[in-house]
Amino acid sequence: MNTAEVKEFINQQKFLFWYIPEDKKQDISNEFLVETILNYGDIKAVKQLIKILGINEVAKLFYSLVNNSSRKKGNLHELTINFFTLFFNKYAS
């Protein structure tokens, strides 16, 4: 279950989740939220995501996506993987 802050963030970014029915958007997983924001969000959305979830949690979810399976890794753009691998290696502990 998402917190009110996460639900508000999803609502602000709902244009990125256009294909998800309105009644399901508030219940998307943090893993899917991280995947979508890192792939398609702007820098403001990325900063807000990190502020809400914390950089270590976002990094953990990102690495989970990259390392779990080739299918999930395939959902992230190659440039996204490269940039955020460098970013989280430097700024997340």
Protein backbone atom coordinates (compact mmCIF):
# COMPACT_ATOMS: atom_id res chain seq x y z
CA MET A 1 0.00 0.00 0.00
CA ASN A 2 1.44 3.36 -1.02
CA THR A 3 1.72 6.30 1.34
CA ALA A 4 -0.26 9.48 0.73
CA GLU A 5 2.93 11.19 -0.45
CA VAL A 6 3.63 8.46 -3.02
CA LYS A 7 0.00 8.55 -4.19
CA GLU A 8 0.18 12.32 -4.66
CA PHE A 9 3.44 11.93 -6.61
CA ILE A 10 1.84 9.28 -8.85
CA ASN A 11 -1.09 11.64 -9.41
CA GLN A 12 1.30 14.44 -10.41
CA GLN A 13 3.03 12.11 -12.88
CA LYS A 14 -0.12 10.29 -14.07
CA PHE A 15 0.57 11.17 -17.71
CA LEU A 16 3.46 8.67 -17.56
CA PHE A 17 0.99 5.94 -16.53
CA TRP A 18 -1.60 6.66 -19.24
CA TYR A 19 -2.12 2.95 -19.99
CA ILE A 20 -2.97 1.99 -16.41
CA PRO A 21 -6.65 2.27 -15.43
CA GLU A 22 -7.35 5.23 -13.13
CA ASP A 23 -8.49 3.01 -10.25
CA LYS A 24 -5.19 1.04 -10.36
CA LYS A 25 -2.68 3.91 -10.61
CA GLN A 26 -2.50 4.59 -6.87
CA ASP A 27 -1.51 0.97 -6.20
CA ILE A 28 1.47 0.57 -8.52
CA SER A 29 4.56 -0.89 -6.89
CA ASN A 30 7.57 1.19 -5.93
CA GLU A 31 9.66 -0.94 -8.30
CA PHE A 32 7.41 -0.01 -11.23
CA LEU A 33 7.35 3.62 -10.11
CA VAL A 34 11.17 3.76 -10.07
CA GLU A 35 11.39 2.06 -13.47
CA THR A 36 8.95 4.50 -15.06
CA ILE A 37 10.31 7.68 -13.50
CA LEU A 38 13.96 6.84 -14.26
CA ASN A 39 13.08 5.90 -17.85
CA TYR A 40 10.59 8.61 -18.76
CA GLY A 41 10.48 11.25 -16.02
CA ASP A 42 12.23 14.58 -16.11
CA ILE A 43 14.93 15.63 -13.64
CA LYS A 44 12.34 17.28 -11.39
CA ALA A 45 10.42 13.99 -11.13
CA VAL A 46 13.63 12.05 -10.40
CA LYS A 47 14.57 14.49 -7.63
CA GLN A 48 11.11 14.28 -6.12
CA LEU A 49 11.15 10.47 -6.27
CA ILE A 50 14.49 10.42 -4.45
CA LYS A 51 13.16 12.88 -1.88
CA ILE A 52 10.08 10.73 -1.22
CA LEU A 53 11.64 7.25 -1.19
CA GLY A 54 15.23 8.12 -0.30
CA ILE A 55 18.24 7.67 -2.52
CA ASN A 56 19.22 4.32 -1.02
CA GLU A 57 15.75 2.85 -1.58
CA VAL A 58 15.60 4.12 -5.17
CA ALA A 59 19.09 2.69 -5.78
CA LYS A 60 18.08 -0.66 -4.25
CA LEU A 61 14.99 -0.85 -6.47
CA PHE A 62 17.00 0.21 -9.53
CA TYR A 63 19.65 -2.46 -8.94
CA SER A 64 16.90 -5.01 -8.34
CA LEU A 65 15.51 -4.19 -11.78
CA VAL A 66 18.91 -4.37 -13.43
CA ASN A 67 20.12 -7.54 -11.71
CA ASN A 68 16.96 -9.64 -11.35
CA SER A 69 16.14 -10.75 -14.87
CA SER A 70 16.83 -9.90 -18.46
CA ARG A 71 13.11 -9.14 -18.97
CA LYS A 72 13.03 -6.51 -16.24
CA LYS A 73 16.41 -5.15 -17.30
CA GLY A 74 15.01 -4.91 -20.83
CA ASN A 75 12.38 -2.48 -19.56
CA LEU A 76 15.08 0.09 -18.80
CA HIS A 77 16.77 2.02 -21.60
CA GLU A 78 20.47 1.30 -22.02
CA LEU A 79 21.37 4.95 -21.42
CA THR A 80 19.18 4.99 -18.29
CA ILE A 81 21.00 1.95 -16.91
CA ASN A 82 24.39 3.49 -17.63
CA PHE A 83 23.59 6.93 -16.18
CA PHE A 84 21.89 5.73 -13.01
CA THR A 85 24.50 3.03 -12.37
CA LEU A 86 27.14 5.77 -12.32
CA PHE A 87 24.86 8.10 -10.32
CA PHE A 88 23.96 5.57 -7.62
CA ASN A 89 27.53 4.25 -7.39
CA LYS A 90 28.61 7.79 -6.52
CA TYR A 91 25.75 9.06 -4.34
CA ALA A 92 24.03 6.04 -2.75
CA SER A 93 25.64 4.04 0.00
